[in-house]
C-alpha atoms as a PDB file:
ATOM      1  CA  MET A   1       4.732 137.409  50.928  1.00  0.00           C
ATOM      2  CA  THR A   2       9.500 141.545  43.864  1.00  0.00           C
ATOM      3  CA  PRO A   3      12.895 142.497  43.605  1.00  0.00           C
ATOM      4  CA  GLU A   4      11.257 145.912  43.162  1.00  0.00           C
ATOM      5  CA  PRO A   5       9.104 147.583  45.772  1.00  0.00           C
ATOM      6  CA  HIS A   6       5.391 146.883  45.693  1.00  0.00           C
ATOM      7  CA  ALA A   7       4.615 145.863  42.114  1.00  0.00           C
ATOM      8  CA  PRO A   8       6.777 143.528  40.009  1.00  0.00           C
ATOM      9  CA  PRO A   9       7.240 144.953  36.518  1.00  0.00           C
ATOM     10  CA  GLY A  10       6.573 142.473  33.761  1.00  0.00           C
ATOM     11  CA  HIS A  11       4.057 140.501  35.785  1.00  0.00           C
ATOM     12  CA  PRO A  12       1.202 139.566  33.358  1.00  0.00           C
ATOM     13  CA  ALA A  13      -1.669 141.997  33.672  1.00  0.00           C
ATOM     14  CA  SER A  14      -4.302 139.222  33.604  1.00  0.00           C
ATOM     15  CA  ALA A  15      -2.660 137.358  36.450  1.00  0.00           C
ATOM     16  CA  ARG A  16      -2.185 140.537  38.433  1.00  0.00           C
ATOM     17  CA  ILE A  17      -5.797 141.615  38.004  1.00  0.00           C
ATOM     18  CA  ALA A  18      -7.079 138.142  38.902  1.00  0.00           C
ATOM     19  CA  ALA A  19      -4.849 138.238  41.978  1.00  0.00           C
ATOM     20  CA  GLU A  20      -6.368 141.551  43.045  1.00  0.00           C
ATOM     21  CA  GLN A  21      -9.772 139.871  43.328  1.00  0.00           C
ATOM     22  CA  VAL A  22      -8.680 137.628  46.143  1.00  0.00           C
ATOM     23  CA  ASN A  23      -9.794 138.972  49.496  1.00  0.00           C
ATOM     24  CA  PHE A  24      -6.618 138.324  51.530  1.00  0.00           C
ATOM     25  CA  PRO A  25      -6.562 139.423  55.136  1.00  0.00           C
ATOM     26  CA  ARG A  26      -4.508 142.592  55.228  1.00  0.00           C
ATOM     27  CA  PRO A  27      -1.059 142.310  56.891  1.00  0.00           C
ATOM     28  CA  LEU A  28      -1.308 143.669  60.414  1.00  0.00           C
ATOM     29  CA  LYS A  29       1.037 144.907  63.074  1.00  0.00           C
ATOM     30  CA  GLY A  30       0.564 142.006  65.452  1.00  0.00           C
ATOM     31  CA  SER A  31      -0.663 138.599  64.538  1.00  0.00           C
ATOM     32  CA  ALA A  32      -4.245 137.656  63.778  1.00  0.00           C
ATOM     33  CA  SER A  33      -5.330 134.051  63.169  1.00  0.00           C
ATOM     34  CA  GLN A  34      -6.139 134.328  59.438  1.00  0.00           C
ATOM     35  CA  HIS A  35      -3.060 136.396  58.780  1.00  0.00           C
ATOM     36  CA  LEU A  36      -0.845 133.892  60.626  1.00  0.00           C
ATOM     37  CA  VAL A  37      -2.306 130.851  58.878  1.00  0.00           C
ATOM     38  CA  VAL A  38      -1.724 132.446  55.401  1.00  0.00           C
ATOM     39  CA  THR A  39       1.859 133.254  56.391  1.00  0.00           C
ATOM     40  CA  MET A  40       2.516 129.701  57.574  1.00  0.00           C
ATOM     41  CA  LEU A  41       0.965 127.992  54.527  1.00  0.00           C
ATOM     42  CA  ALA A  42       2.650 130.316  52.051  1.00  0.00           C
ATOM     43  CA  ASP A  43       6.010 129.734  53.707  1.00  0.00           C
ATOM     44  CA  TYR A  44       6.002 125.977  53.009  1.00  0.00           C
ATOM     45  CA  TRP A  45       3.280 125.180  50.442  1.00  0.00           C
ATOM     46  CA  ARG A  46       2.895 128.230  48.204  1.00  0.00           C
ATOM     47  CA  GLY A  47       3.837 126.294  45.093  1.00  0.00           C
ATOM     48  CA  SER A  48       2.139 123.017  46.017  1.00  0.00           C
ATOM     49  CA  THR A  49      -1.170 121.746  44.611  1.00  0.00           C
ATOM     50  CA  ALA A  50      -1.472 119.079  47.314  1.00  0.00           C
ATOM     51  CA  TRP A  51      -4.554 119.020  49.524  1.00  0.00           C
ATOM     52  CA  LEU A  52      -3.432 119.695  53.115  1.00  0.00           C
ATOM     53  CA  PRO A  53      -5.523 117.981  55.828  1.00  0.00           C
ATOM     54  CA  SER A  54      -6.897 120.355  58.402  1.00  0.00           C
ATOM     55  CA  ARG A  55      -5.522 118.191  61.241  1.00  0.00           C
ATOM     56  CA  MET A  56      -1.992 118.960  60.121  1.00  0.00           C
ATOM     57  CA  ILE A  57      -2.644 122.671  59.614  1.00  0.00           C
ATOM     58  CA  VAL A  58      -4.353 122.933  63.034  1.00  0.00           C
ATOM     59  CA  SER A  59      -1.438 121.151  64.678  1.00  0.00           C
ATOM     60  CA  LEU A  60       1.143 123.524  63.144  1.00  0.00           C
ATOM     61  CA  ALA A  61      -1.030 126.530  64.007  1.00  0.00           C
ATOM     62  CA  GLY A  62      -1.003 125.276  67.591  1.00  0.00           C
ATOM     63  CA  SER A  63       2.782 125.674  67.584  1.00  0.00           C
ATOM     64  CA  LEU A  64       2.179 129.311  66.732  1.00  0.00           C
ATOM     65  CA  GLY A  65      -0.146 129.797  69.686  1.00  0.00           C
ATOM     66  CA  LEU A  66      -3.516 129.320  67.932  1.00  0.00           C
ATOM     67  CA  SER A  67      -6.131 127.172  69.574  1.00  0.00           C
ATOM     68  CA  PRO A  68      -7.746 124.411  67.470  1.00  0.00           C
ATOM     69  CA  SER A  69     -10.993 126.388  67.293  1.00  0.00           C
ATOM     70  CA  ALA A  70      -9.183 129.582  66.253  1.00  0.00           C
ATOM     71  CA  ALA A  71      -7.244 127.736  63.555  1.00  0.00           C
ATOM     72  CA  SER A  72     -10.343 125.949  62.268  1.00  0.00           C
ATOM     73  CA  THR A  73     -12.286 129.226  62.143  1.00  0.00           C
ATOM     74  CA  ALA A  74      -9.417 130.896  60.280  1.00  0.00           C
ATOM     75  CA  LEU A  75      -9.425 128.132  57.638  1.00  0.00           C
ATOM     76  CA  SER A  76     -13.173 128.387  57.166  1.00  0.00           C
ATOM     77  CA  ARG A  77     -12.979 132.163  56.761  1.00  0.00           C
ATOM     78  CA  LEU A  78     -10.058 132.017  54.384  1.00  0.00           C
ATOM     79  CA  ALA A  79     -12.066 129.605  52.262  1.00  0.00           C
ATOM     80  CA  GLY A  80     -14.903 132.125  52.311  1.00  0.00           C
ATOM     81  CA  ARG A  81     -12.493 134.781  51.075  1.00  0.00           C
ATOM     82  CA  ASP A  82     -11.427 132.551  48.155  1.00  0.00           C
ATOM     83  CA  VAL A  83      -7.917 132.448  49.543  1.00  0.00           C
ATOM     84  CA  LEU A  84      -8.212 128.720  50.128  1.00  0.00           C
ATOM     85  CA  GLU A  85     -10.335 126.099  48.424  1.00  0.00           C
ATOM     86  CA  GLN A  86     -11.752 123.271  50.486  1.00  0.00           C
ATOM     87  CA  SER A  87     -12.377 119.583  49.777  1.00  0.00           C
ATOM     88  CA  ASN A  88     -13.551 116.767  51.955  1.00  0.00           C
ATOM     89  CA  ALA A  89     -12.075 113.269  52.052  1.00  0.00           C
ATOM     90  CA  GLY A  90     -14.398 111.251  54.251  1.00  0.00           C
ATOM     91  CA  ARG A  91     -14.562 113.140  57.518  1.00  0.00           C
ATOM     92  CA  THR A  92     -11.363 115.029  56.814  1.00  0.00           C
ATOM     93  CA  SER A  93     -11.422 118.636  55.591  1.00  0.00           C
ATOM     94  CA  ARG A  94      -8.567 119.539  53.220  1.00  0.00           C
ATOM     95  CA  TYR A  95      -7.373 122.861  51.988  1.00  0.00           C
ATOM     96  CA  ARG A  96      -5.016 124.422  49.421  1.00  0.00           C
ATOM     97  CA  PHE A  97      -4.510 127.850  47.902  1.00  0.00           C
ATOM     98  CA  THR A  98      -6.824 128.810  45.014  1.00  0.00           C
ATOM     99  CA  PRO A  99      -5.048 129.553  41.721  1.00  0.00           C
ATOM    100  CA  GLU A 100      -5.862 133.229  42.055  1.00  0.00           C
ATOM    101  CA  ALA A 101      -4.448 133.287  45.595  1.00  0.00           C
ATOM    102  CA  LYS A 102      -1.267 131.623  44.374  1.00  0.00           C
ATOM    103  CA  ALA A 103      -0.873 134.370  41.762  1.00  0.00           C
ATOM    104  CA  ARG A 104      -1.348 137.025  44.469  1.00  0.00           C
ATOM    105  CA  LEU A 105       1.124 135.195  46.680  1.00  0.00           C
ATOM    106  CA  ASP A 106       3.724 135.162  43.876  1.00  0.00           C
ATOM    107  CA  ILE A 107       3.491 138.962  43.849  1.00  0.00           C
ATOM    108  CA  GLY A 108       3.543 139.141  47.655  1.00  0.00           C
ATOM    109  CA  VAL A 109       6.565 136.887  47.952  1.00  0.00           C
ATOM    110  CA  GLY A 110       8.479 139.142  45.654  1.00  0.00           C
ATOM    111  CA  GLN A 111       7.479 142.164  47.672  1.00  0.00           C
ATOM    112  CA  ILE A 112       8.625 140.589  50.894  1.00  0.00           C
ATOM    113  CA  SER A 113      11.892 139.169  49.620  1.00  0.00           C
ATOM    114  CA  GLY A 114      13.041 142.310  47.819  1.00  0.00           C
ATOM    115  CA  PHE A 115      11.630 144.923  50.141  1.00  0.00           C
ATOM    116  CA  GLY A 116      14.312 147.017  51.792  1.00  0.00           C
ATOM    117  CA  SER A 117      17.087 145.836  49.492  1.00  0.00           C
ATOM    118  CA  GLU A 118      19.614 148.539  48.653  1.00  0.00           C
ATOM    119  CA  GLU A 119      20.549 146.964  45.313  1.00  0.00           C
ATOM    120  CA  ARG A 120      18.068 148.711  43.065  1.00  0.00           C
ATOM    121  CA  ARG A 121      19.155 152.149  41.830  1.00  0.00           C
ATOM    122  CA  TRP A 122      16.817 155.030  41.167  1.00  0.00           C
ATOM    123  CA  ASP A 123      16.730 156.655  37.719  1.00  0.00           C
ATOM    124  CA  GLY A 124      15.710 160.044  39.058  1.00  0.00           C
ATOM    125  CA  MET A 125      12.208 159.813  37.536  1.00  0.00           C
ATOM    126  CA  TRP A 126       8.867 160.129  39.293  1.00  0.00           C
ATOM    127  CA  THR A 127       5.502 158.686  38.277  1.00  0.00           C
ATOM    128  CA  VAL A 128       2.602 161.066  38.848  1.00  0.00           C
ATOM    129  CA  VAL A 129      -1.116 160.330  38.492  1.00  0.00           C
ATOM    130  CA  ALA A 130      -3.991 162.824  38.678  1.00  0.00           C
ATOM    131  CA  PHE A 131      -7.535 161.491  38.639  1.00  0.00           C
ATOM    132  CA  THR A 132     -11.172 162.369  39.230  1.00  0.00           C
ATOM    133  CA  VAL A 133     -13.722 159.874  40.546  1.00  0.00           C
ATOM    134  CA  PRO A 134     -17.363 161.066  41.034  1.00  0.00           C
ATOM    135  CA  GLU A 135     -18.616 161.419  44.580  1.00  0.00           C
ATOM    136  CA  SER A 136     -21.277 158.814  43.693  1.00  0.00           C
ATOM    137  CA  SER A 137     -18.504 156.237  43.109  1.00  0.00           C
ATOM    138  CA  ARG A 138     -17.055 156.356  46.571  1.00  0.00           C
ATOM    139  CA  GLU A 139     -16.278 152.636  46.612  1.00  0.00           C
ATOM    140  CA  MET A 140     -14.380 152.904  43.338  1.00  0.00           C
ATOM    141  CA  ARG A 141     -12.356 155.796  44.761  1.00  0.00           C
ATOM    142  CA  GLU A 142     -11.390 153.803  47.839  1.00  0.00           C
ATOM    143  CA  LEU A 143     -10.378 150.777  45.726  1.00  0.00           C
ATOM    144  CA  LEU A 144      -8.225 153.050  43.553  1.00  0.00           C
ATOM    145  CA  ARG A 145      -6.566 154.614  46.573  1.00  0.00           C
ATOM    146  CA  SER A 146      -5.843 151.181  48.032  1.00  0.00           C
ATOM    147  CA  ARG A 147      -4.328 150.084  44.738  1.00  0.00           C
ATOM    148  CA  LEU A 148      -2.234 153.281  44.538  1.00  0.00           C
ATOM    149  CA  LYS A 149      -0.884 152.666  48.000  1.00  0.00           C
ATOM    150  CA  SER A 150      -0.059 149.039  47.208  1.00  0.00           C
ATOM    151  CA  LEU A 151       1.994 150.294  44.204  1.00  0.00           C
ATOM    152  CA  GLY A 152       4.003 152.650  46.418  1.00  0.00           C
ATOM    153  CA  PHE A 153       2.149 155.892  45.699  1.00  0.00           C
ATOM    154  CA  ALA A 154       1.293 158.566  48.218  1.00  0.00           C
ATOM    155  CA  PRO A 155      -0.989 161.598  47.910  1.00  0.00           C
ATOM    156  CA  LEU A 156       0.850 164.877  47.309  1.00  0.00           C
ATOM    157  CA  TYR A 157      -2.606 166.447  47.115  1.00  0.00           C
ATOM    158  CA  GLY A 158      -6.056 164.878  47.344  1.00  0.00           C
ATOM    159  CA  ALA A 159      -6.233 163.534  43.772  1.00  0.00           C
ATOM    160  CA  VAL A 160      -2.556 163.850  42.816  1.00  0.00           C
ATOM    161  CA  TRP A 161      -0.470 160.822  43.822  1.00  0.00           C
ATOM    162  CA  VAL A 162       3.243 160.278  43.277  1.00  0.00           C
ATOM    163  CA  SER A 163       5.643 157.328  43.206  1.00  0.00           C
ATOM    164  CA  ALA A 164       9.412 157.189  42.767  1.00  0.00           C
ATOM    165  CA  TRP A 165       9.170 154.040  40.638  1.00  0.00           C
ATOM    166  CA  ASP A 166       7.905 153.355  37.131  1.00  0.00           C
ATOM    167  CA  THR A 167       4.589 151.624  37.851  1.00  0.00           C
ATOM    168  CA  ALA A 168       2.641 153.388  35.108  1.00  0.00           C
ATOM    169  CA  ASP A 169       1.655 150.185  33.232  1.00  0.00           C
ATOM    170  CA  GLU A 170       0.463 148.432  36.411  1.00  0.00           C
ATOM    171  CA  LEU A 171      -1.512 151.529  37.432  1.00  0.00           C
ATOM    172  CA  GLU A 172      -3.115 151.877  33.992  1.00  0.00           C
ATOM    173  CA  ASP A 173      -4.196 148.229  34.106  1.00  0.00           C
ATOM    174  CA  SER A 174      -5.772 148.776  37.492  1.00  0.00           C
ATOM    175  CA  CYS A 175      -7.571 151.914  36.405  1.00  0.00           C
ATOM    176  CA  ARG A 176      -9.116 150.096  33.453  1.00  0.00           C
ATOM    177  CA  HIS A 177     -10.045 147.171  35.641  1.00  0.00           C
ATOM    178  CA  LEU A 178     -11.689 149.363  38.285  1.00  0.00           C
ATOM    179  CA  GLY A 179     -13.538 151.401  35.657  1.00  0.00           C
ATOM    180  CA  VAL A 180     -11.655 154.600  36.357  1.00  0.00           C
ATOM    181  CA  ASP A 181     -11.368 156.460  33.046  1.00  0.00           C
ATOM    182  CA  ASN A 182     -10.735 160.104  34.041  1.00  0.00           C
ATOM    183  CA  TYR A 183      -7.024 160.083  34.865  1.00  0.00           C
ATOM    184  CA  ALA A 184      -3.604 161.155  33.559  1.00  0.00           C
ATOM    185  CA  ILE A 185      -0.366 159.305  34.272  1.00  0.00           C
ATOM    186  CA  PHE A 186       3.008 160.814  33.423  1.00  0.00           C
ATOM    187  CA  ARG A 187       6.691 160.502  34.262  1.00  0.00           C
ATOM    188  CA  THR A 188       8.838 163.473  35.195  1.00  0.00           C
ATOM    189  CA  PRO A 189      12.492 163.837  36.146  1.00  0.00           C
ATOM    190  CA  GLU A 190      13.409 165.200  39.537  1.00  0.00           C
ATOM    191  CA  THR A 191      15.430 167.982  37.916  1.00  0.00           C
ATOM    192  CA  GLU A 192      12.388 169.485  36.150  1.00  0.00           C
ATOM    193  CA  LEU A 193      10.187 169.799  39.263  1.00  0.00           C
ATOM    194  CA  ARG A 194       9.343 173.131  40.828  1.00  0.00           C
ATOM    195  CA  GLY A 195       7.478 173.956  44.014  1.00  0.00           C
ATOM    196  CA  ARG A 196       6.774 171.408  46.678  1.00  0.00           C
ATOM    197  CA  PRO A 197       9.283 168.482  46.739  1.00  0.00           C
ATOM    198  CA  LEU A 198       7.461 165.206  45.899  1.00  0.00           C
ATOM    199  CA  ILE A 199       9.228 163.414  48.784  1.00  0.00           C
ATOM    200  CA  GLU A 200       6.962 165.453  51.092  1.00  0.00           C
ATOM    201  CA  ALA A 201       4.064 163.212  50.084  1.00  0.00           C
ATOM    202  CA  TRP A 202       5.410 160.836  52.754  1.00  0.00           C
ATOM    203  CA  ASP A 203       5.859 161.350  56.509  1.00  0.00           C
ATOM    204  CA  LEU A 204       9.351 159.832  56.784  1.00  0.00           C
ATOM    205  CA  ALA A 205       9.362 160.245  60.561  1.00  0.00           C
ATOM    206  CA  GLU A 206       6.306 158.033  60.771  1.00  0.00           C
ATOM    207  CA  VAL A 207       7.772 155.529  58.311  1.00  0.00           C
ATOM    208  CA  ARG A 208      10.955 155.453  60.452  1.00  0.00           C
ATOM    209  CA  ARG A 209       9.083 154.830  63.722  1.00  0.00           C
ATOM    210  CA  GLN A 210       7.335 151.658  62.474  1.00  0.00           C
ATOM    211  CA  TYR A 211      10.682 149.752  62.340  1.00  0.00           C
ATOM    212  CA  LEU A 212      11.829 150.476  65.866  1.00  0.00           C
ATOM    213  CA  PRO A 213       9.713 147.813  67.643  1.00  0.00           C
ATOM    214  CA  PHE A 214      10.854 145.195  65.111  1.00  0.00           C
ATOM    215  CA  ILE A 215      14.529 146.134  65.638  1.00  0.00           C
ATOM    216  CA  ASP A 216      14.133 146.154  69.442  1.00  0.00           C
ATOM    217  CA  THR A 217      12.311 142.820  69.429  1.00  0.00           C
ATOM    218  CA  TYR A 218      14.380 140.797  67.000  1.00  0.00           C
ATOM    219  CA  GLY A 219      17.742 142.579  66.870  1.00  0.00           C
ATOM    220  CA  PRO A 220      19.137 141.008  70.096  1.00  0.00           C
ATOM    221  CA  THR A 221      17.885 137.577  68.958  1.00  0.00           C
ATOM    222  CA  ALA A 222      19.584 137.901  65.577  1.00  0.00           C
ATOM    223  CA  ARG A 223      22.903 138.823  67.243  1.00  0.00           C
ATOM    224  CA  SER A 224      22.880 135.931  69.745  1.00  0.00           C
ATOM    225  CA  LEU A 225      20.940 133.172  67.973  1.00  0.00           C
ATOM    226  CA  ASP A 226      22.372 129.702  67.533  1.00  0.00           C
ATOM    227  CA  PRO A 227      19.794 127.801  65.462  1.00  0.00           C
ATOM    228  CA  GLN A 228      21.277 124.491  66.623  1.00  0.00           C
ATOM    229  CA  GLN A 229      20.212 125.292  70.176  1.00  0.00           C
ATOM    230  CA  LEU A 230      16.508 125.627  69.244  1.00  0.00           C
ATOM    231  CA  SER A 231      14.023 122.833  68.953  1.00  0.00           C
ATOM    232  CA  GLY A 232      12.280 122.391  65.633  1.00  0.00           C
ATOM    233  CA  GLU A 233       9.077 123.784  67.054  1.00  0.00           C
ATOM    234  CA  GLU A 234      10.845 126.868  68.436  1.00  0.00           C
ATOM    235  CA  ALA A 235      12.594 127.482  65.133  1.00  0.00           C
ATOM    236  CA  PHE A 236       9.293 127.098  63.231  1.00  0.00           C
ATOM    237  CA  ARG A 237       7.518 129.519  65.565  1.00  0.00           C
ATOM    238  CA  LEU A 238      10.263 132.166  65.501  1.00  0.00           C
ATOM    239  CA  ARG A 239      10.671 131.982  61.729  1.00  0.00           C
ATOM    240  CA  THR A 240       6.938 132.382  61.177  1.00  0.00           C
ATOM    241  CA  GLU A 241       6.726 135.244  63.658  1.00  0.00           C
ATOM    242  CA  VAL A 242       9.534 137.111  61.998  1.00  0.00           C
ATOM    243  CA  ILE A 243       8.164 136.937  58.460  1.00  0.00           C
ATOM    244  CA  ASP A 244       4.666 137.597  59.721  1.00  0.00           C
ATOM    245  CA  ALA A 245       5.923 140.839  61.245  1.00  0.00           C
ATOM    246  CA  TRP A 246       8.048 141.728  58.235  1.00  0.00           C
ATOM    247  CA  ARG A 247       5.355 141.233  55.610  1.00  0.00           C
ATOM    248  CA  ALA A 248       3.298 144.059  57.054  1.00  0.00           C
ATOM    249  CA  PHE A 249       5.924 146.682  56.238  1.00  0.00           C
ATOM    250  CA  PRO A 250       5.408 146.917  52.442  1.00  0.00           C
ATOM    251  CA  TRP A 251       1.832 147.976  53.169  1.00  0.00           C
ATOM    252  CA  GLU A 252       2.942 150.937  55.253  1.00  0.00           C
ATOM    253  CA  ASP A 253       6.271 151.812  53.692  1.00  0.00           C
ATOM    254  CA  PRO A 254       6.352 152.924  50.008  1.00  0.00           C
ATOM    255  CA  GLY A 255       9.788 151.375  49.429  1.00  0.00           C
ATOM    256  CA  LEU A 256      11.419 154.649  48.453  1.00  0.00           C
ATOM    257  CA  PRO A 257      14.829 154.550  46.708  1.00  0.00           C
ATOM    258  CA  PRO A 258      17.777 154.630  49.126  1.00  0.00           C
ATOM    259  CA  GLU A 259      18.947 157.796  47.350  1.00  0.00           C
ATOM    260  CA  LEU A 260      15.955 159.619  48.734  1.00  0.00           C
ATOM    261  CA  LEU A 261      16.227 158.377  52.321  1.00  0.00           C
ATOM    262  CA  PRO A 262      18.348 159.752  55.189  1.00  0.00           C
ATOM    263  CA  ARG A 263      21.524 157.885  56.030  1.00  0.00           C
ATOM    264  CA  GLU A 264      21.084 155.004  58.440  1.00  0.00           C
ATOM    265  CA  PHE A 265      17.374 154.765  57.757  1.00  0.00           C
ATOM    266  CA  PRO A 266      16.110 151.914  60.048  1.00  0.00           C
ATOM    267  CA  LEU A 267      14.464 150.007  57.191  1.00  0.00           C
ATOM    268  CA  PHE A 268      17.863 148.710  56.141  1.00  0.00           C
ATOM    269  CA  GLN A 269      18.825 147.563  59.654  1.00  0.00           C
ATOM    270  CA  ALA A 270      15.452 145.861  60.018  1.00  0.00           C
ATOM    271  CA  ARG A 271      15.949 144.022  56.729  1.00  0.00           C
ATOM    272  CA  ARG A 272      19.333 142.746  57.784  1.00  0.00           C
ATOM    273  CA  ILE A 273      17.839 141.383  61.005  1.00  0.00           C
ATOM    274  CA  PHE A 274      14.944 139.778  59.117  1.00  0.00           C
ATOM    275  CA  VAL A 275      17.148 138.071  56.510  1.00  0.00           C
ATOM    276  CA  ALA A 276      19.624 136.807  59.134  1.00  0.00           C
ATOM    277  CA  LEU A 277      16.931 135.258  61.327  1.00  0.00           C
ATOM    278  CA  TYR A 278      14.633 133.945  58.612  1.00  0.00           C
ATOM    279  CA  ASN A 279      17.264 132.226  56.543  1.00  0.00           C
ATOM    280  CA  SER A 280      19.238 130.792  59.454  1.00  0.00           C
ATOM    281  CA  LEU A 281      16.097 129.050  60.765  1.00  0.00           C
ATOM    282  CA  GLU A 282      15.082 127.570  57.463  1.00  0.00           C
ATOM    283  CA  GLU A 283      16.523 124.055  57.824  1.00  0.00           C
ATOM    284  CA  THR A 284      15.456 123.415  61.408  1.00  0.00           C
ATOM    285  CA  ALA A 285      11.937 124.823  60.835  1.00  0.00           C
ATOM    286  CA  ALA A 286      11.414 122.897  57.572  1.00  0.00           C
ATOM    287  CA  THR A 287      12.491 119.672  59.281  1.00  0.00           C
ATOM    288  CA  TYR A 288       9.866 120.223  61.963  1.00  0.00           C
ATOM    289  CA  VAL A 289       7.139 120.873  59.361  1.00  0.00           C
ATOM    290  CA  GLU A 290       8.129 117.758  57.458  1.00  0.00           C
ATOM    291  CA  GLU A 291       8.109 115.636  60.642  1.00  0.00           C
ATOM    292  CA  THR A 292       4.643 116.962  61.413  1.00  0.00           C
ATOM    293  CA  ALA A 293       3.470 116.033  57.906  1.00  0.00           C
ATOM    294  CA  VAL A 294       4.913 112.527  58.198  1.00  0.00           C
ATOM    295  CA  ARG A 295       3.107 112.038  61.474  1.00  0.00           C
ATOM    296  CA  LEU A 296      -0.276 113.549  60.637  1.00  0.00           C
ATOM    297  CA  ALA A 297      -0.510 113.682  56.827  1.00  0.00           C
ATOM    298  CA  PRO A 298       1.973 111.268  55.244  1.00  0.00           C
ATOM    299  CA  GLU A 299       0.279 111.726  51.869  1.00  0.00           C
ATOM    300  CA  VAL A 300       1.688 115.255  51.609  1.00  0.00           C
ATOM    301  CA  ALA A 301       5.152 114.453  53.008  1.00  0.00           C
ATOM    302  CA  GLY A 302       7.768 115.650  50.584  1.00  0.00           C
ATOM    303  CA  GLU A 303       5.585 118.524  49.362  1.00  0.00           C
ATOM    304  CA  ILE A 304       7.281 121.040  51.606  1.00  0.00           C
ATOM    305  CA  HIS A 305       9.445 123.725  49.960  1.00  0.00           C
ATOM    306  CA  ALA A 306      10.589 126.296  52.517  1.00  0.00           C
ATOM    307  CA  PHE A 307      11.066 129.777  51.132  1.00  0.00           C
ATOM    308  CA  ARG A 308      14.409 131.490  51.439  1.00  0.00           C
ATOM    309  CA  VAL A 309      14.964 135.264  51.129  1.00  0.00           C
ATOM    310  CA  ARG A 310      17.674 136.660  48.902  1.00  0.00           C
ATOM    311  CA  ALA A 311      20.306 138.256  51.134  1.00  0.00           C
END
């Protein structure tokens, strides 16, 4: 789960590259067990080094609708992906995020918290990359395309990708790491472009449509919600569902500057709904998680630090 879309400038290259190695489950539209467990754990224990007993994780996952077997399988598979590391204490399995996963989560948290904010202003400059990857290196090409998309790029043409933000340093680091050496990265002002507008690299109608189900689902709740009327379990479940749905958007939306988007673009309405719901449920949900820890894993009570999004 950066104040800037997609890639946080200034993040150390070594940490970023190490983070790219972690095989996180990709955010999805609609919950999957591994995805949901990562969301839940990152929400309350991203910065903790404590070992979390599986019985507590499974219990909390049950509040999100996951069966014990589904939650246990998700934990095992996340450990296999190097997202979690596992340790046994007697007959108890325990888990925590690997250091590399925590580095990746630090990036992701910035993406989620800053995504859709209208505060950042555009300088009128575009980043353009042209590259060639041999047909024999198809896997390298796909990795590069995935990285480009994660940085907010889109293909104007097959091997010419564009971004409205200055992510040249992050992209150059990734090219070197992936072994791509036949590329050119440059910055160009909007005023010097001729021909096809670079904004046409994105299908804005498709980007717009992805927010409508989120607005329809959570908008009425945000308008009428009284967090005091919810039980701790209900607040925990709703808060996790909301951020789980929201964190998929940076994968599909390039985070274009507000100056380039039509007025009343639904991203901004969706963000207001997300922030209102997520932050208002923080106290009630965190209390429920802490009570669960006291009951099932008192050794980690007090390790909970619920995340809060900047309004």
